[in-house]
Amino acid sequence: MRRGSEYGIIERDTATVVGDIGFIGPPGPDGLIEVGYSVIPERRRLGYATEAARAIIDWARRQPGVRTVVAGCDKDNVPSIRTLERLGFHRTGERNGQLRWRYGSRSEQG
């Protein structure tokens, strides 16, 4: 993850750090902020990324100056694609070899 604000994803039962999540820089002048996350291989596909992303997106959307949440992932990262779709992101295109995503319904994307 590129520099921004990062937070650990902690497994409740073991108090083990299983990943990280955060924003890739502050919101831009247009109110756009990008979220990124990573989960260690041994703890993938257990819902940690979905739970953490849902919480951080909900928080971000309540912040002044944040209007749009976006994300990116590699084209072949099927688990991340499914996570983003589950969260309510919609694919908006491709840039620098990554799929680009925008949170919310297409009608909100105006």
PDB file of N, CA and C in Angstrom:
ATOM      1  N   MET A   1       0.843  -1.167   0.000  1.00  0.00           N
ATOM      2  CA  MET A   1       0.000   0.000   0.000  1.00  0.00           C
ATOM      3  C   MET A   1       0.893   1.237   0.000  1.00  0.00           C
ATOM      4  N   ARG A   2       0.560   2.200  -0.813  1.00  0.00           N
ATOM      5  CA  ARG A   2       1.306   3.449  -0.833  1.00  0.00           C
ATOM      6  C   ARG A   2       1.005   4.257   0.417  1.00  0.00           C
ATOM      7  N   ARG A   3       1.847   5.208   0.718  1.00  0.00           N
ATOM      8  CA  ARG A   3       1.724   6.011   1.923  1.00  0.00           C
ATOM      9  C   ARG A   3       0.397   6.745   2.025  1.00  0.00           C
ATOM     10  N   GLY A   4      -0.120   6.787   3.204  1.00  0.00           N
ATOM     11  CA  GLY A   4      -1.376   7.444   3.560  1.00  0.00           C
ATOM     12  C   GLY A   4      -1.627   7.116   5.012  1.00  0.00           C
ATOM     13  N   SER A   5      -2.869   6.988   5.412  1.00  0.00           N
ATOM     14  CA  SER A   5      -3.151   6.561   6.776  1.00  0.00           C
ATOM     15  C   SER A   5      -3.458   5.075   6.759  1.00  0.00           C
ATOM     16  N   GLU A   6      -2.753   4.326   7.606  1.00  0.00           N
ATOM     17  CA  GLU A   6      -2.902   2.874   7.635  1.00  0.00           C
ATOM     18  C   GLU A   6      -3.318   2.422   9.022  1.00  0.00           C
ATOM     19  N   TYR A   7      -4.109   1.356   9.062  1.00  0.00           N
ATOM     20  CA  TYR A   7      -4.588   0.779  10.307  1.00  0.00           C
ATOM     21  C   TYR A   7      -4.419  -0.729  10.228  1.00  0.00           C
ATOM     22  N   GLY A   8      -4.121  -1.341  11.361  1.00  0.00           N
ATOM     23  CA  GLY A   8      -4.004  -2.783  11.400  1.00  0.00           C
ATOM     24  C   GLY A   8      -5.382  -3.440  11.427  1.00  0.00           C
ATOM     25  N   ILE A   9      -5.472  -4.604  10.824  1.00  0.00           N
ATOM     26  CA  ILE A   9      -6.667  -5.440  10.921  1.00  0.00           C
ATOM     27  C   ILE A   9      -6.319  -6.516  11.946  1.00  0.00           C
ATOM     28  N   ILE A  10      -7.052  -6.515  13.054  1.00  0.00           N
ATOM     29  CA  ILE A  10      -6.751  -7.399  14.182  1.00  0.00           C
ATOM     30  C   ILE A  10      -7.798  -8.508  14.273  1.00  0.00           C
ATOM     31  N   GLU A  11      -7.339  -9.735  14.364  1.00  0.00           N
ATOM     32  CA  GLU A  11      -8.232 -10.864  14.597  1.00  0.00           C
ATOM     33  C   GLU A  11      -8.638 -10.841  16.071  1.00  0.00           C
ATOM     34  N   ARG A  12      -9.929 -10.736  16.329  1.00  0.00           N
ATOM     35  CA  ARG A  12     -10.417 -10.582  17.704  1.00  0.00           C
ATOM     36  C   ARG A  12     -10.022 -11.750  18.614  1.00  0.00           C
ATOM     37  N   ASP A  13     -10.224 -12.973  18.145  1.00  0.00           N
ATOM     38  CA  ASP A  13      -9.997 -14.151  18.991  1.00  0.00           C
ATOM     39  C   ASP A  13      -8.549 -14.306  19.447  1.00  0.00           C
ATOM     40  N   THR A  14      -7.607 -13.906  18.602  1.00  0.00           N
ATOM     41  CA  THR A  14      -6.190 -14.133  18.918  1.00  0.00           C
ATOM     42  C   THR A  14      -5.403 -12.849  19.147  1.00  0.00           C
ATOM     43  N   ALA A  15      -6.028 -11.691  18.905  1.00  0.00           N
ATOM     44  CA  ALA A  15      -5.355 -10.394  18.997  1.00  0.00           C
ATOM     45  C   ALA A  15      -4.145 -10.334  18.064  1.00  0.00           C
ATOM     46  N   THR A  16      -4.235 -11.035  16.941  1.00  0.00           N
ATOM     47  CA  THR A  16      -3.155 -11.097  15.962  1.00  0.00           C
ATOM     48  C   THR A  16      -3.434 -10.117  14.829  1.00  0.00           C
ATOM     49  N   VAL A  17      -2.395  -9.393  14.410  1.00  0.00           N
ATOM     50  CA  VAL A  17      -2.522  -8.534  13.235  1.00  0.00           C
ATOM     51  C   VAL A  17      -2.566  -9.440  12.013  1.00  0.00           C
ATOM     52  N   VAL A  18      -3.670  -9.351  11.251  1.00  0.00           N
ATOM     53  CA  VAL A  18      -3.840 -10.216  10.082  1.00  0.00           C
ATOM     54  C   VAL A  18      -3.814  -9.433   8.772  1.00  0.00           C
ATOM     55  N   GLY A  19      -3.669  -8.131   8.861  1.00  0.00           N
ATOM     56  CA  GLY A  19      -3.622  -7.330   7.646  1.00  0.00           C
ATOM     57  C   GLY A  19      -3.561  -5.856   7.955  1.00  0.00           C
ATOM     58  N   ASP A  20      -3.702  -5.057   6.910  1.00  0.00           N
ATOM     59  CA  ASP A  20      -3.769  -3.613   7.093  1.00  0.00           C
ATOM     60  C   ASP A  20      -4.755  -3.027   6.097  1.00  0.00           C
ATOM     61  N   ILE A  21      -5.224  -1.851   6.438  1.00  0.00           N
ATOM     62  CA  ILE A  21      -6.186  -1.140   5.610  1.00  0.00           C
ATOM     63  C   ILE A  21      -5.948   0.342   5.819  1.00  0.00           C
ATOM     64  N   GLY A  22      -6.256   1.128   4.824  1.00  0.00           N
ATOM     65  CA  GLY A  22      -6.091   2.563   4.991  1.00  0.00           C
ATOM     66  C   GLY A  22      -6.416   3.312   3.727  1.00  0.00           C
ATOM     67  N   PHE A  23      -6.074   4.586   3.767  1.00  0.00           N
ATOM     68  CA  PHE A  23      -6.313   5.469   2.641  1.00  0.00           C
ATOM     69  C   PHE A  23      -4.995   5.807   1.992  1.00  0.00           C
ATOM     70  N   ILE A  24      -5.009   5.846   0.683  1.00  0.00           N
ATOM     71  CA  ILE A  24      -3.807   6.156  -0.078  1.00  0.00           C
ATOM     72  C   ILE A  24      -3.802   7.665  -0.290  1.00  0.00           C
ATOM     73  N   GLY A  25      -3.331   8.351   0.736  1.00  0.00           N
ATOM     74  CA  GLY A  25      -3.311   9.803   0.724  1.00  0.00           C
ATOM     75  C   GLY A  25      -4.606  10.401   1.233  1.00  0.00           C
ATOM     76  N   PRO A  26      -4.617  11.716   1.409  1.00  0.00           N
ATOM     77  CA  PRO A  26      -5.811  12.415   1.883  1.00  0.00           C
ATOM     78  C   PRO A  26      -6.822  12.597   0.749  1.00  0.00           C
ATOM     79  N   PRO A  27      -8.036  13.021   1.091  1.00  0.00           N
ATOM     80  CA  PRO A  27      -9.001  13.316   0.030  1.00  0.00           C
ATOM     81  C   PRO A  27      -8.468  14.412  -0.889  1.00  0.00           C
ATOM     82  N   GLY A  28      -8.744  14.279  -2.175  1.00  0.00           N
ATOM     83  CA  GLY A  28      -8.348  15.310  -3.129  1.00  0.00           C
ATOM     84  C   GLY A  28      -9.316  16.483  -3.079  1.00  0.00           C
ATOM     85  N   PRO A  29      -9.024  17.534  -3.825  1.00  0.00           N
ATOM     86  CA  PRO A  29      -9.900  18.701  -3.858  1.00  0.00           C
ATOM     87  C   PRO A  29     -11.314  18.370  -4.346  1.00  0.00           C
ATOM     88  N   ASP A  30     -11.427  17.254  -5.095  1.00  0.00           N
ATOM     89  CA  ASP A  30     -12.736  16.825  -5.596  1.00  0.00           C
ATOM     90  C   ASP A  30     -13.469  15.927  -4.606  1.00  0.00           C
ATOM     91  N   GLY A  31     -12.893  15.702  -3.406  1.00  0.00           N
ATOM     92  CA  GLY A  31     -13.524  14.875  -2.398  1.00  0.00           C
ATOM     93  C   GLY A  31     -13.310  13.388  -2.590  1.00  0.00           C
ATOM     94  N   LEU A  32     -12.388  13.024  -3.467  1.00  0.00           N
ATOM     95  CA  LEU A  32     -12.126  11.623  -3.774  1.00  0.00           C
ATOM     96  C   LEU A  32     -11.037  11.072  -2.862  1.00  0.00           C
ATOM     97  N   ILE A  33     -11.282   9.892  -2.289  1.00  0.00           N
ATOM     98  CA  ILE A  33     -10.290   9.232  -1.439  1.00  0.00           C
ATOM     99  C   ILE A  33     -10.199   7.767  -1.855  1.00  0.00           C
ATOM    100  N   GLU A  34      -8.986   7.216  -1.829  1.00  0.00           N
ATOM    101  CA  GLU A  34      -8.787   5.832  -2.256  1.00  0.00           C
ATOM    102  C   GLU A  34      -8.469   4.944  -1.065  1.00  0.00           C
ATOM    103  N   VAL A  35      -9.160   3.820  -0.983  1.00  0.00           N
ATOM    104  CA  VAL A  35      -8.942   2.842   0.072  1.00  0.00           C
ATOM    105  C   VAL A  35      -8.115   1.685  -0.487  1.00  0.00           C
ATOM    106  N   GLY A  36      -7.258   1.130   0.354  1.00  0.00           N
ATOM    107  CA  GLY A  36      -6.480  -0.044  -0.008  1.00  0.00           C
ATOM    108  C   GLY A  36      -6.364  -0.960   1.196  1.00  0.00           C
ATOM    109  N   TYR A  37      -6.203  -2.248   0.957  1.00  0.00           N
ATOM    110  CA  TYR A  37      -6.134  -3.207   2.056  1.00  0.00           C
ATOM    111  C   TYR A  37      -5.301  -4.405   1.644  1.00  0.00           C
ATOM    112  N   SER A  38      -4.862  -5.140   2.651  1.00  0.00           N
ATOM    113  CA  SER A  38      -4.102  -6.364   2.437  1.00  0.00           C
ATOM    114  C   SER A  38      -4.319  -7.271   3.643  1.00  0.00           C
ATOM    115  N   VAL A  39      -4.458  -8.562   3.392  1.00  0.00           N
ATOM    116  CA  VAL A  39      -4.617  -9.553   4.457  1.00  0.00           C
ATOM    117  C   VAL A  39      -3.552 -10.629   4.247  1.00  0.00           C
ATOM    118  N   ILE A  40      -2.934 -11.094   5.344  1.00  0.00           N
ATOM    119  CA  ILE A  40      -1.897 -12.115   5.217  1.00  0.00           C
ATOM    120  C   ILE A  40      -2.500 -13.388   4.623  1.00  0.00           C
ATOM    121  N   PRO A  41      -1.709 -14.117   3.849  1.00  0.00           N
ATOM    122  CA  PRO A  41      -2.241 -15.291   3.137  1.00  0.00           C
ATOM    123  C   PRO A  41      -2.985 -16.292   4.030  1.00  0.00           C
ATOM    124  N   GLU A  42      -2.500 -16.526   5.240  1.00  0.00           N
ATOM    125  CA  GLU A  42      -3.121 -17.524   6.116  1.00  0.00           C
ATOM    126  C   GLU A  42      -4.512 -17.116   6.600  1.00  0.00           C
ATOM    127  N   ARG A  43      -4.862 -15.844   6.466  1.00  0.00           N
ATOM    128  CA  ARG A  43      -6.152 -15.370   6.977  1.00  0.00           C
ATOM    129  C   ARG A  43      -7.060 -14.832   5.868  1.00  0.00           C
ATOM    130  N   ARG A  44      -6.702 -15.075   4.624  1.00  0.00           N
ATOM    131  CA  ARG A  44      -7.540 -14.620   3.518  1.00  0.00           C
ATOM    132  C   ARG A  44      -8.795 -15.474   3.411  1.00  0.00           C
ATOM    133  N   ARG A  45      -9.814 -14.900   2.795  1.00  0.00           N
ATOM    134  CA  ARG A  45     -11.104 -15.567   2.554  1.00  0.00           C
ATOM    135  C   ARG A  45     -11.860 -15.891   3.839  1.00  0.00           C
ATOM    136  N   LEU A  46     -11.606 -15.093   4.878  1.00  0.00           N
ATOM    137  CA  LEU A  46     -12.321 -15.261   6.149  1.00  0.00           C
ATOM    138  C   LEU A  46     -13.169 -14.035   6.474  1.00  0.00           C
ATOM    139  N   GLY A  47     -13.225 -13.078   5.548  1.00  0.00           N
ATOM    140  CA  GLY A  47     -14.064 -11.907   5.738  1.00  0.00           C
ATOM    141  C   GLY A  47     -13.400 -10.707   6.390  1.00  0.00           C
ATOM    142  N   TYR A  48     -12.112 -10.797   6.700  1.00  0.00           N
ATOM    143  CA  TYR A  48     -11.436  -9.690   7.366  1.00  0.00           C
ATOM    144  C   TYR A  48     -11.385  -8.431   6.499  1.00  0.00           C
ATOM    145  N   ALA A  49     -11.053  -8.578   5.230  1.00  0.00           N
ATOM    146  CA  ALA A  49     -10.978  -7.412   4.339  1.00  0.00           C
ATOM    147  C   ALA A  49     -12.350  -6.770   4.188  1.00  0.00           C
ATOM    148  N   THR A  50     -13.379  -7.577   4.035  1.00  0.00           N
ATOM    149  CA  THR A  50     -14.734  -7.036   3.878  1.00  0.00           C
ATOM    150  C   THR A  50     -15.161  -6.269   5.125  1.00  0.00           C
ATOM    151  N   GLU A  51     -14.956  -6.861   6.288  1.00  0.00           N
ATOM    152  CA  GLU A  51     -15.363  -6.211   7.540  1.00  0.00           C
ATOM    153  C   GLU A  51     -14.598  -4.903   7.767  1.00  0.00           C
ATOM    154  N   ALA A  52     -13.293  -4.946   7.574  1.00  0.00           N
ATOM    155  CA  ALA A  52     -12.475  -3.752   7.796  1.00  0.00           C
ATOM    156  C   ALA A  52     -12.800  -2.666   6.770  1.00  0.00           C
ATOM    157  N   ALA A  53     -12.960  -3.052   5.516  1.00  0.00           N
ATOM    158  CA  ALA A  53     -13.263  -2.064   4.471  1.00  0.00           C
ATOM    159  C   ALA A  53     -14.632  -1.443   4.698  1.00  0.00           C
ATOM    160  N   ARG A  54     -15.603  -2.241   5.080  1.00  0.00           N
ATOM    161  CA  ARG A  54     -16.935  -1.689   5.345  1.00  0.00           C
ATOM    162  C   ARG A  54     -16.856  -0.624   6.442  1.00  0.00           C
ATOM    163  N   ALA A  55     -16.110  -0.914   7.512  1.00  0.00           N
ATOM    164  CA  ALA A  55     -15.984   0.031   8.622  1.00  0.00           C
ATOM    165  C   ALA A  55     -15.277   1.315   8.199  1.00  0.00           C
ATOM    166  N   ILE A  56     -14.176   1.194   7.469  1.00  0.00           N
ATOM    167  CA  ILE A  56     -13.410   2.388   7.110  1.00  0.00           C
ATOM    168  C   ILE A  56     -14.139   3.225   6.052  1.00  0.00           C
ATOM    169  N   ILE A  57     -14.878   2.565   5.164  1.00  0.00           N
ATOM    170  CA  ILE A  57     -15.662   3.293   4.158  1.00  0.00           C
ATOM    171  C   ILE A  57     -16.806   4.043   4.827  1.00  0.00           C
ATOM    172  N   ASP A  58     -17.497   3.376   5.757  1.00  0.00           N
ATOM    173  CA  ASP A  58     -18.576   4.053   6.486  1.00  0.00           C
ATOM    174  C   ASP A  58     -18.047   5.275   7.219  1.00  0.00           C
ATOM    175  N   TRP A  59     -16.890   5.120   7.854  1.00  0.00           N
ATOM    176  CA  TRP A  59     -16.281   6.246   8.567  1.00  0.00           C
ATOM    177  C   TRP A  59     -15.928   7.371   7.585  1.00  0.00           C
ATOM    178  N   ALA A  60     -15.283   7.028   6.481  1.00  0.00           N
ATOM    179  CA  ALA A  60     -14.839   8.031   5.508  1.00  0.00           C
ATOM    180  C   ALA A  60     -16.014   8.831   4.961  1.00  0.00           C
ATOM    181  N   ARG A  61     -17.120   8.155   4.681  1.00  0.00           N
ATOM    182  CA  ARG A  61     -18.269   8.836   4.083  1.00  0.00           C
ATOM    183  C   ARG A  61     -18.908   9.842   5.041  1.00  0.00           C
ATOM    184  N   ARG A  62     -18.623   9.737   6.324  1.00  0.00           N
ATOM    185  CA  ARG A  62     -19.144  10.701   7.303  1.00  0.00           C
ATOM    186  C   ARG A  62     -18.214  11.898   7.499  1.00  0.00           C
ATOM    187  N   GLN A  63     -17.049  11.869   6.869  1.00  0.00           N
ATOM    188  CA  GLN A  63     -16.070  12.930   7.062  1.00  0.00           C
ATOM    189  C   GLN A  63     -16.318  14.088   6.109  1.00  0.00           C
ATOM    190  N   PRO A  64     -16.159  15.319   6.627  1.00  0.00           N
ATOM    191  CA  PRO A  64     -16.301  16.468   5.732  1.00  0.00           C
ATOM    192  C   PRO A  64     -15.229  16.425   4.652  1.00  0.00           C
ATOM    193  N   GLY A  65     -15.604  16.751   3.475  1.00  0.00           N
ATOM    194  CA  GLY A  65     -14.650  16.794   2.371  1.00  0.00           C
ATOM    195  C   GLY A  65     -14.521  15.498   1.595  1.00  0.00           C
ATOM    196  N   VAL A  66     -15.132  14.402   2.083  1.00  0.00           N
ATOM    197  CA  VAL A  66     -15.082  13.137   1.355  1.00  0.00           C
ATOM    198  C   VAL A  66     -16.403  12.951   0.627  1.00  0.00           C
ATOM    199  N   ARG A  67     -16.320  12.865  -0.685  1.00  0.00           N
ATOM    200  CA  ARG A  67     -17.532  12.674  -1.496  1.00  0.00           C
ATOM    201  C   ARG A  67     -17.540  11.341  -2.217  1.00  0.00           C
ATOM    202  N   THR A  68     -16.355  10.813  -2.538  1.00  0.00           N
ATOM    203  CA  THR A  68     -16.273   9.600  -3.338  1.00  0.00           C
ATOM    204  C   THR A  68     -15.155   8.715  -2.800  1.00  0.00           C
ATOM    205  N   VAL A  69     -15.437   7.414  -2.692  1.00  0.00           N
ATOM    206  CA  VAL A  69     -14.422   6.440  -2.280  1.00  0.00           C
ATOM    207  C   VAL A  69     -14.138   5.544  -3.480  1.00  0.00           C
ATOM    208  N   VAL A  70     -12.861   5.387  -3.795  1.00  0.00           N
ATOM    209  CA  VAL A  70     -12.443   4.550  -4.923  1.00  0.00           C
ATOM    210  C   VAL A  70     -11.440   3.514  -4.436  1.00  0.00           C
ATOM    211  N   ALA A  71     -11.166   2.541  -5.299  1.00  0.00           N
ATOM    212  CA  ALA A  71     -10.190   1.501  -4.992  1.00  0.00           C
ATOM    213  C   ALA A  71      -9.607   0.983  -6.299  1.00  0.00           C
ATOM    214  N   GLY A  72      -8.523   0.257  -6.178  1.00  0.00           N
ATOM    215  CA  GLY A  72      -7.914  -0.402  -7.327  1.00  0.00           C
ATOM    216  C   GLY A  72      -7.470  -1.790  -6.925  1.00  0.00           C
ATOM    217  N   CYS A  73      -7.431  -2.698  -7.892  1.00  0.00           N
ATOM    218  CA  CYS A  73      -6.884  -4.033  -7.632  1.00  0.00           C
ATOM    219  C   CYS A  73      -6.381  -4.616  -8.939  1.00  0.00           C
ATOM    220  N   ASP A  74      -5.490  -5.578  -8.801  1.00  0.00           N
ATOM    221  CA  ASP A  74      -4.961  -6.250  -9.985  1.00  0.00           C
ATOM    222  C   ASP A  74      -6.070  -7.029 -10.691  1.00  0.00           C
ATOM    223  N   LYS A  75      -5.954  -7.118 -12.007  1.00  0.00           N
ATOM    224  CA  LYS A  75      -6.972  -7.797 -12.826  1.00  0.00           C
ATOM    225  C   LYS A  75      -7.169  -9.257 -12.448  1.00  0.00           C
ATOM    226  N   ASP A  76      -6.107  -9.901 -11.981  1.00  0.00           N
ATOM    227  CA  ASP A  76      -6.202 -11.319 -11.668  1.00  0.00           C
ATOM    228  C   ASP A  76      -6.444 -11.606 -10.186  1.00  0.00           C
ATOM    229  N   ASN A  77      -6.724 -10.584  -9.406  1.00  0.00           N
ATOM    230  CA  ASN A  77      -6.960 -10.756  -7.973  1.00  0.00           C
ATOM    231  C   ASN A  77      -8.451 -10.991  -7.720  1.00  0.00           C
ATOM    232  N   VAL A  78      -8.894 -12.180  -8.033  1.00  0.00           N
ATOM    233  CA  VAL A  78     -10.321 -12.524  -7.944  1.00  0.00           C
ATOM    234  C   VAL A  78     -10.878 -12.325  -6.530  1.00  0.00           C
ATOM    235  N   PRO A  79     -10.169 -12.728  -5.459  1.00  0.00           N
ATOM    236  CA  PRO A  79     -10.723 -12.488  -4.127  1.00  0.00           C
ATOM    237  C   PRO A  79     -10.958 -10.999  -3.837  1.00  0.00           C
ATOM    238  N   SER A  80     -10.050 -10.144  -4.270  1.00  0.00           N
ATOM    239  CA  SER A  80     -10.230  -8.709  -4.054  1.00  0.00           C
ATOM    240  C   SER A  80     -11.374  -8.170  -4.906  1.00  0.00           C
ATOM    241  N   ILE A  81     -11.495  -8.652  -6.120  1.00  0.00           N
ATOM    242  CA  ILE A  81     -12.616  -8.243  -6.978  1.00  0.00           C
ATOM    243  C   ILE A  81     -13.932  -8.599  -6.297  1.00  0.00           C
ATOM    244  N   ARG A  82     -14.025  -9.794  -5.772  1.00  0.00           N
ATOM    245  CA  ARG A  82     -15.257 -10.219  -5.091  1.00  0.00           C
ATOM    246  C   ARG A  82     -15.508  -9.391  -3.840  1.00  0.00           C
ATOM    247  N   THR A  83     -14.449  -9.057  -3.106  1.00  0.00           N
ATOM    248  CA  THR A  83     -14.604  -8.217  -1.914  1.00  0.00           C
ATOM    249  C   THR A  83     -15.163  -6.858  -2.301  1.00  0.00           C
ATOM    250  N   LEU A  84     -14.594  -6.245  -3.322  1.00  0.00           N
ATOM    251  CA  LEU A  84     -15.063  -4.920  -3.750  1.00  0.00           C
ATOM    252  C   LEU A  84     -16.508  -4.984  -4.235  1.00  0.00           C
ATOM    253  N   GLU A  85     -16.853  -5.997  -4.973  1.00  0.00           N
ATOM    254  CA  GLU A  85     -18.239  -6.145  -5.432  1.00  0.00           C
ATOM    255  C   GLU A  85     -19.185  -6.335  -4.245  1.00  0.00           C
ATOM    256  N   ARG A  86     -18.787  -7.155  -3.292  1.00  0.00           N
ATOM    257  CA  ARG A  86     -19.594  -7.406  -2.093  1.00  0.00           C
ATOM    258  C   ARG A  86     -19.831  -6.111  -1.311  1.00  0.00           C
ATOM    259  N   LEU A  87     -18.841  -5.240  -1.311  1.00  0.00           N
ATOM    260  CA  LEU A  87     -18.942  -3.976  -0.577  1.00  0.00           C
ATOM    261  C   LEU A  87     -19.803  -2.940  -1.286  1.00  0.00           C
ATOM    262  N   GLY A  88     -20.098  -3.162  -2.562  1.00  0.00           N
ATOM    263  CA  GLY A  88     -20.906  -2.198  -3.304  1.00  0.00           C
ATOM    264  C   GLY A  88     -20.114  -1.309  -4.246  1.00  0.00           C
ATOM    265  N   PHE A  89     -18.876  -1.717  -4.557  1.00  0.00           N
ATOM    266  CA  PHE A  89     -18.085  -0.983  -5.545  1.00  0.00           C
ATOM    267  C   PHE A  89     -18.499  -1.436  -6.941  1.00  0.00           C
ATOM    268  N   HIS A  90     -18.342  -0.533  -7.899  1.00  0.00           N
ATOM    269  CA  HIS A  90     -18.608  -0.826  -9.301  1.00  0.00           C
ATOM    270  C   HIS A  90     -17.362  -0.499 -10.104  1.00  0.00           C
ATOM    271  N   ARG A  91     -17.041  -1.371 -11.025  1.00  0.00           N
ATOM    272  CA  ARG A  91     -15.862  -1.191 -11.867  1.00  0.00           C
ATOM    273  C   ARG A  91     -16.052   0.019 -12.763  1.00  0.00           C
ATOM    274  N   THR A  92     -15.023   0.861 -12.819  1.00  0.00           N
ATOM    275  CA  THR A  92     -15.109   2.075 -13.638  1.00  0.00           C
ATOM    276  C   THR A  92     -14.123   2.096 -14.786  1.00  0.00           C
ATOM    277  N   GLY A  93     -13.215   1.123 -14.823  1.00  0.00           N
ATOM    278  CA  GLY A  93     -12.241   1.108 -15.907  1.00  0.00           C
ATOM    279  C   GLY A  93     -10.950   0.457 -15.471  1.00  0.00           C
ATOM    280  N   GLU A  94      -9.885   0.868 -16.129  1.00  0.00           N
ATOM    281  CA  GLU A  94      -8.572   0.305 -15.878  1.00  0.00           C
ATOM    282  C   GLU A  94      -7.539   1.416 -15.997  1.00  0.00           C
ATOM    283  N   ARG A  95      -6.523   1.373 -15.121  1.00  0.00           N
ATOM    284  CA  ARG A  95      -5.452   2.364 -15.184  1.00  0.00           C
ATOM    285  C   ARG A  95      -4.177   1.739 -14.634  1.00  0.00           C
ATOM    286  N   ASN A  96      -3.105   1.897 -15.353  1.00  0.00           N
ATOM    287  CA  ASN A  96      -1.799   1.385 -14.933  1.00  0.00           C
ATOM    288  C   ASN A  96      -1.846  -0.099 -14.586  1.00  0.00           C
ATOM    289  N   GLY A  97      -2.564  -0.871 -15.378  1.00  0.00           N
ATOM    290  CA  GLY A  97      -2.635  -2.307 -15.177  1.00  0.00           C
ATOM    291  C   GLY A  97      -3.542  -2.765 -14.051  1.00  0.00           C
ATOM    292  N   GLN A  98      -4.261  -1.832 -13.440  1.00  0.00           N
ATOM    293  CA  GLN A  98      -5.185  -2.178 -12.366  1.00  0.00           C
ATOM    294  C   GLN A  98      -6.617  -1.877 -12.762  1.00  0.00           C
ATOM    295  N   LEU A  99      -7.536  -2.703 -12.251  1.00  0.00           N
ATOM    296  CA  LEU A  99      -8.957  -2.385 -12.371  1.00  0.00           C
ATOM    297  C   LEU A  99      -9.256  -1.264 -11.390  1.00  0.00           C
ATOM    298  N   ARG A 100     -10.081  -0.333 -11.815  1.00  0.00           N
ATOM    299  CA  ARG A 100     -10.454   0.794 -10.957  1.00  0.00           C
ATOM    300  C   ARG A 100     -11.915   0.628 -10.544  1.00  0.00           C
ATOM    301  N   TRP A 101     -12.222   1.031  -9.314  1.00  0.00           N
ATOM    302  CA  TRP A 101     -13.532   0.826  -8.710  1.00  0.00           C
ATOM    303  C   TRP A 101     -14.005   2.098  -8.026  1.00  0.00           C
ATOM    304  N   ARG A 102     -15.320   2.252  -7.959  1.00  0.00           N
ATOM    305  CA  ARG A 102     -15.951   3.389  -7.279  1.00  0.00           C
ATOM    306  C   ARG A 102     -17.057   2.862  -6.394  1.00  0.00           C
ATOM    307  N   TYR A 103     -17.126   3.370  -5.168  1.00  0.00           N
ATOM    308  CA  TYR A 103     -18.118   2.904  -4.207  1.00  0.00           C
ATOM    309  C   TYR A 103     -19.472   3.557  -4.449  1.00  0.00           C
ATOM    310  N   GLY A 104     -20.514   2.784  -4.286  1.00  0.00           N
ATOM    311  CA  GLY A 104     -21.871   3.304  -4.364  1.00  0.00           C
ATOM    312  C   GLY A 104     -22.570   2.919  -5.644  1.00  0.00           C
ATOM    313  N   SER A 105     -23.844   3.240  -5.678  1.00  0.00           N
ATOM    314  CA  SER A 105     -24.639   2.909  -6.855  1.00  0.00           C
ATOM    315  C   SER A 105     -24.216   3.778  -8.027  1.00  0.00           C
ATOM    316  N   ARG A 106     -24.475   3.291  -9.203  1.00  0.00           N
ATOM    317  CA  ARG A 106     -24.107   4.065 -10.401  1.00  0.00           C
ATOM    318  C   ARG A 106     -24.821   5.416 -10.433  1.00  0.00           C
ATOM    319  N   SER A 107     -26.032   5.485  -9.882  1.00  0.00           N
ATOM    320  CA  SER A 107     -26.760   6.756  -9.858  1.00  0.00           C
ATOM    321  C   SER A 107     -26.090   7.767  -8.939  1.00  0.00           C
ATOM    322  N   GLU A 108     -25.373   7.280  -7.897  1.00  0.00           N
ATOM    323  CA  GLU A 108     -24.646   8.178  -7.004  1.00  0.00           C
ATOM    324  C   GLU A 108     -23.381   8.705  -7.628  1.00  0.00           C
ATOM    325  N   GLN A 109     -22.912   8.053  -8.704  1.00  0.00           N
ATOM    326  CA  GLN A 109     -21.620   8.389  -9.274  1.00  0.00           C
ATOM    327  C   GLN A 109     -21.641   9.643 -10.125  1.00  0.00           C
ATOM    328  N   GLY A 110     -22.809  10.103 -10.478  1.00  0.00           N
ATOM    329  CA  GLY A 110     -23.034  11.289 -11.260  1.00  0.00           C
ATOM    330  C   GLY A 110     -21.920  12.019 -11.715  1.00  0.00           C
TER     331      GLY A 110
END
